[in-house]
Amino acid sequence: MDFFKEFWLFLRVRKKYWLLPILIIVLLFGGLILLTESTAIAPFIYTLF
C-alpha cells in the first residue's frame, strides 16, 4: 500500500492527474487477464475484443 500512497503524493505534487485514468485502465485490464486465465468466463471476454 505504500506504493499507492507514494504514487498519489507524486500525482498531487507534480500535478500529473492525467496519469490516474491510465493507471486505472491498466489495472482493470490486468485484473481481466487474471480472471480469464482459467475460468469459464474466458469465451465471453474474448467476444468483447
PDB file of N, CA and C in Angstrom:
ATOM      1  N   MET A   1       0.818  -1.197   0.000  1.00  0.00           N
ATOM      2  CA  MET A   1       0.000   0.000   0.000  1.00  0.00           C
ATOM      3  C   MET A   1       0.860   1.259   0.000  1.00  0.00           C
ATOM      4  N   ASP A   2       2.117   1.147   0.388  1.00  0.00           N
ATOM      5  CA  ASP A   2       2.996   2.318   0.378  1.00  0.00           C
ATOM      6  C   ASP A   2       3.198   2.840  -1.040  1.00  0.00           C
ATOM      7  N   PHE A   3       3.230   1.912  -2.003  1.00  0.00           N
ATOM      8  CA  PHE A   3       3.416   2.335  -3.388  1.00  0.00           C
ATOM      9  C   PHE A   3       2.278   3.248  -3.829  1.00  0.00           C
ATOM     10  N   PHE A   4       1.050   2.861  -3.510  1.00  0.00           N
ATOM     11  CA  PHE A   4      -0.099   3.669  -3.922  1.00  0.00           C
ATOM     12  C   PHE A   4      -0.116   5.023  -3.213  1.00  0.00           C
ATOM     13  N   LYS A   5       0.292   5.023  -1.947  1.00  0.00           N
ATOM     14  CA  LYS A   5       0.349   6.270  -1.203  1.00  0.00           C
ATOM     15  C   LYS A   5       1.394   7.210  -1.816  1.00  0.00           C
ATOM     16  N   GLU A   6       2.566   6.679  -2.107  1.00  0.00           N
ATOM     17  CA  GLU A   6       3.616   7.491  -2.711  1.00  0.00           C
ATOM     18  C   GLU A   6       3.237   7.938  -4.121  1.00  0.00           C
ATOM     19  N   PHE A   7       2.574   7.062  -4.857  1.00  0.00           N
ATOM     20  CA  PHE A   7       2.150   7.424  -6.208  1.00  0.00           C
ATOM     21  C   PHE A   7       1.118   8.553  -6.161  1.00  0.00           C
ATOM     22  N   TRP A   8       0.197   8.484  -5.216  1.00  0.00           N
ATOM     23  CA  TRP A   8      -0.804   9.540  -5.079  1.00  0.00           C
ATOM     24  C   TRP A   8      -0.142  10.856  -4.695  1.00  0.00           C
ATOM     25  N   LEU A   9       0.835  10.810  -3.797  1.00  0.00           N
ATOM     26  CA  LEU A   9       1.560  12.026  -3.433  1.00  0.00           C
ATOM     27  C   LEU A   9       2.315  12.594  -4.635  1.00  0.00           C
ATOM     28  N   PHE A  10       2.900  11.714  -5.439  1.00  0.00           N
ATOM     29  CA  PHE A  10       3.583  12.158  -6.657  1.00  0.00           C
ATOM     30  C   PHE A  10       2.616  12.861  -7.592  1.00  0.00           C
ATOM     31  N   LEU A  11       1.431  12.275  -7.780  1.00  0.00           N
ATOM     32  CA  LEU A  11       0.437  12.887  -8.666  1.00  0.00           C
ATOM     33  C   LEU A  11      -0.001  14.250  -8.151  1.00  0.00           C
ATOM     34  N   ARG A  12      -0.191  14.364  -6.847  1.00  0.00           N
ATOM     35  CA  ARG A  12      -0.637  15.646  -6.286  1.00  0.00           C
ATOM     36  C   ARG A  12       0.436  16.716  -6.386  1.00  0.00           C
ATOM     37  N   VAL A  13       1.666  16.368  -6.048  1.00  0.00           N
ATOM     38  CA  VAL A  13       2.743  17.364  -6.030  1.00  0.00           C
ATOM     39  C   VAL A  13       3.093  17.814  -7.443  1.00  0.00           C
ATOM     40  N   ARG A  14       3.184  16.872  -8.364  1.00  0.00           N
ATOM     41  CA  ARG A  14       3.613  17.196  -9.725  1.00  0.00           C
ATOM     42  C   ARG A  14       2.463  17.583 -10.651  1.00  0.00           C
ATOM     43  N   LYS A  15       1.227  17.537 -10.139  1.00  0.00           N
ATOM     44  CA  LYS A  15       0.033  17.881 -10.934  1.00  0.00           C
ATOM     45  C   LYS A  15      -0.080  17.013 -12.190  1.00  0.00           C
ATOM     46  N   LYS A  16       0.145  15.734 -12.028  1.00  0.00           N
ATOM     47  CA  LYS A  16       0.068  14.782 -13.140  1.00  0.00           C
ATOM     48  C   LYS A  16      -1.196  13.931 -13.017  1.00  0.00           C
ATOM     49  N   TYR A  17      -2.331  14.596 -12.885  1.00  0.00           N
ATOM     50  CA  TYR A  17      -3.593  13.879 -12.696  1.00  0.00           C
ATOM     51  C   TYR A  17      -3.998  13.080 -13.924  1.00  0.00           C
ATOM     52  N   TRP A  18      -3.449  13.394 -15.090  1.00  0.00           N
ATOM     53  CA  TRP A  18      -3.801  12.669 -16.308  1.00  0.00           C
ATOM     54  C   TRP A  18      -3.265  11.239 -16.278  1.00  0.00           C
ATOM     55  N   LEU A  19      -2.323  10.922 -15.376  1.00  0.00           N
ATOM     56  CA  LEU A  19      -1.806   9.559 -15.263  1.00  0.00           C
ATOM     57  C   LEU A  19      -2.781   8.618 -14.555  1.00  0.00           C
ATOM     58  N   LEU A  20      -3.676   9.160 -13.757  1.00  0.00           N
ATOM     59  CA  LEU A  20      -4.593   8.338 -12.973  1.00  0.00           C
ATOM     60  C   LEU A  20      -5.529   7.485 -13.836  1.00  0.00           C
ATOM     61  N   PRO A  21      -6.180   8.030 -14.880  1.00  0.00           N
ATOM     62  CA  PRO A  21      -7.027   7.163 -15.709  1.00  0.00           C
ATOM     63  C   PRO A  21      -6.239   6.068 -16.428  1.00  0.00           C
ATOM     64  N   ILE A  22      -5.010   6.376 -16.822  1.00  0.00           N
ATOM     65  CA  ILE A  22      -4.171   5.369 -17.480  1.00  0.00           C
ATOM     66  C   ILE A  22      -3.876   4.229 -16.512  1.00  0.00           C
ATOM     67  N   LEU A  23      -3.548   4.567 -15.289  1.00  0.00           N
ATOM     68  CA  LEU A  23      -3.256   3.545 -14.284  1.00  0.00           C
ATOM     69  C   LEU A  23      -4.486   2.694 -13.996  1.00  0.00           C
ATOM     70  N   ILE A  24      -5.642   3.306 -13.913  1.00  0.00           N
ATOM     71  CA  ILE A  24      -6.881   2.564 -13.644  1.00  0.00           C
ATOM     72  C   ILE A  24      -7.183   1.592 -14.777  1.00  0.00           C
ATOM     73  N   ILE A  25      -7.011   2.029 -16.021  1.00  0.00           N
ATOM     74  CA  ILE A  25      -7.269   1.148 -17.162  1.00  0.00           C
ATOM     75  C   ILE A  25      -6.291  -0.014 -17.187  1.00  0.00           C
ATOM     76  N   VAL A  26      -5.018   0.252 -16.898  1.00  0.00           N
ATOM     77  CA  VAL A  26      -4.025  -0.826 -16.862  1.00  0.00           C
ATOM     78  C   VAL A  26      -4.370  -1.836 -15.771  1.00  0.00           C
ATOM     79  N   LEU A  27      -4.783  -1.359 -14.610  1.00  0.00           N
ATOM     80  CA  LEU A  27      -5.168  -2.270 -13.526  1.00  0.00           C
ATOM     81  C   LEU A  27      -6.408  -3.086 -13.891  1.00  0.00           C
ATOM     82  N   LEU A  28      -7.375  -2.460 -14.561  1.00  0.00           N
ATOM     83  CA  LEU A  28      -8.574  -3.199 -14.981  1.00  0.00           C
ATOM     84  C   LEU A  28      -8.231  -4.290 -15.986  1.00  0.00           C
ATOM     85  N   PHE A  29      -7.399  -3.969 -16.963  1.00  0.00           N
ATOM     86  CA  PHE A  29      -7.001  -4.988 -17.939  1.00  0.00           C
ATOM     87  C   PHE A  29      -6.184  -6.097 -17.283  1.00  0.00           C
ATOM     88  N   GLY A  30      -5.346  -5.751 -16.327  1.00  0.00           N
ATOM     89  CA  GLY A  30      -4.592  -6.770 -15.600  1.00  0.00           C
ATOM     90  C   GLY A  30      -5.514  -7.697 -14.832  1.00  0.00           C
ATOM     91  N   GLY A  31      -6.522  -7.129 -14.166  1.00  0.00           N
ATOM     92  CA  GLY A  31      -7.498  -7.952 -13.458  1.00  0.00           C
ATOM     93  C   GLY A  31      -8.307  -8.822 -14.401  1.00  0.00           C
ATOM     94  N   LEU A  32      -8.635  -8.268 -15.561  1.00  0.00           N
ATOM     95  CA  LEU A  32      -9.378  -9.037 -16.554  1.00  0.00           C
ATOM     96  C   LEU A  32      -8.559 -10.217 -17.056  1.00  0.00           C
ATOM     97  N   ILE A  33      -7.289 -10.007 -17.269  1.00  0.00           N
ATOM     98  CA  ILE A  33      -6.414 -11.103 -17.713  1.00  0.00           C
ATOM     99  C   ILE A  33      -6.308 -12.168 -16.631  1.00  0.00           C
ATOM    100  N   LEU A  34      -6.197 -11.754 -15.381  1.00  0.00           N
ATOM    101  CA  LEU A  34      -6.119 -12.735 -14.297  1.00  0.00           C
ATOM    102  C   LEU A  34      -7.408 -13.532 -14.165  1.00  0.00           C
ATOM    103  N   LEU A  35      -8.537 -12.880 -14.373  1.00  0.00           N
ATOM    104  CA  LEU A  35      -9.819 -13.585 -14.260  1.00  0.00           C
ATOM    105  C   LEU A  35     -10.036 -14.579 -15.388  1.00  0.00           C
ATOM    106  N   THR A  36      -9.560 -14.265 -16.569  1.00  0.00           N
ATOM    107  CA  THR A  36      -9.842 -15.123 -17.719  1.00  0.00           C
ATOM    108  C   THR A  36      -8.769 -16.162 -17.965  1.00  0.00           C
ATOM    109  N   GLU A  37      -7.805 -16.277 -17.082  1.00  0.00           N
ATOM    110  CA  GLU A  37      -6.735 -17.239 -17.292  1.00  0.00           C
ATOM    111  C   GLU A  37      -7.252 -18.674 -17.328  1.00  0.00           C
ATOM    112  N   SER A  38      -8.066 -19.038 -16.386  1.00  0.00           N
ATOM    113  CA  SER A  38      -8.501 -20.434 -16.333  1.00  0.00           C
ATOM    114  C   SER A  38      -9.939 -20.541 -15.826  1.00  0.00           C
ATOM    115  N   THR A  39     -10.808 -19.722 -16.362  1.00  0.00           N
ATOM    116  CA  THR A  39     -12.195 -19.787 -15.912  1.00  0.00           C
ATOM    117  C   THR A  39     -13.124 -20.007 -17.102  1.00  0.00           C
ATOM    118  N   ALA A  40     -14.364 -20.202 -16.790  1.00  0.00           N
ATOM    119  CA  ALA A  40     -15.365 -20.386 -17.833  1.00  0.00           C
ATOM    120  C   ALA A  40     -15.788 -19.056 -18.441  1.00  0.00           C
ATOM    121  N   ILE A  41     -15.301 -17.951 -17.892  1.00  0.00           N
ATOM    122  CA  ILE A  41     -15.657 -16.625 -18.401  1.00  0.00           C
ATOM    123  C   ILE A  41     -14.881 -16.294 -19.677  1.00  0.00           C
ATOM    124  N   ALA A  42     -13.776 -16.960 -19.899  1.00  0.00           N
ATOM    125  CA  ALA A  42     -12.859 -16.638 -20.996  1.00  0.00           C
ATOM    126  C   ALA A  42     -13.544 -16.505 -22.372  1.00  0.00           C
ATOM    127  N   PRO A  43     -14.405 -17.442 -22.792  1.00  0.00           N
ATOM    128  CA  PRO A  43     -15.021 -17.280 -24.106  1.00  0.00           C
ATOM    129  C   PRO A  43     -15.877 -16.024 -24.238  1.00  0.00           C
ATOM    130  N   PHE A  44     -16.479 -15.594 -23.158  1.00  0.00           N
ATOM    131  CA  PHE A  44     -17.309 -14.398 -23.212  1.00  0.00           C
ATOM    132  C   PHE A  44     -16.473 -13.120 -23.265  1.00  0.00           C
ATOM    133  N   ILE A  45     -15.324 -13.137 -22.610  1.00  0.00           N
ATOM    134  CA  ILE A  45     -14.444 -11.983 -22.638  1.00  0.00           C
ATOM    135  C   ILE A  45     -13.832 -11.819 -24.023  1.00  0.00           C
ATOM    136  N   TYR A  46     -13.489 -12.901 -24.676  1.00  0.00           N
ATOM    137  CA  TYR A  46     -12.866 -12.820 -25.992  1.00  0.00           C
ATOM    138  C   TYR A  46     -13.819 -12.216 -27.024  1.00  0.00           C
ATOM    139  N   THR A  47     -15.099 -12.341 -26.824  1.00  0.00           N
ATOM    140  CA  THR A  47     -16.043 -11.767 -27.782  1.00  0.00           C
ATOM    141  C   THR A  47     -16.083 -10.241 -27.674  1.00  0.00           C
ATOM    142  N   LEU A  48     -15.631  -9.678 -26.550  1.00  0.00           N
ATOM    143  CA  LEU A  48     -15.583  -8.240 -26.403  1.00  0.00           C
ATOM    144  C   LEU A  48     -14.524  -7.601 -27.290  1.00  0.00           C
ATOM    145  N   PHE A  49     -13.472  -8.341 -27.571  1.00  0.00           N
ATOM    146  CA  PHE A  49     -12.383  -7.797 -28.356  1.00  0.00           C
ATOM    147  C   PHE A  49     -12.421  -8.400 -29.722  1.00  0.00           C
TER     148      PHE A  49
END
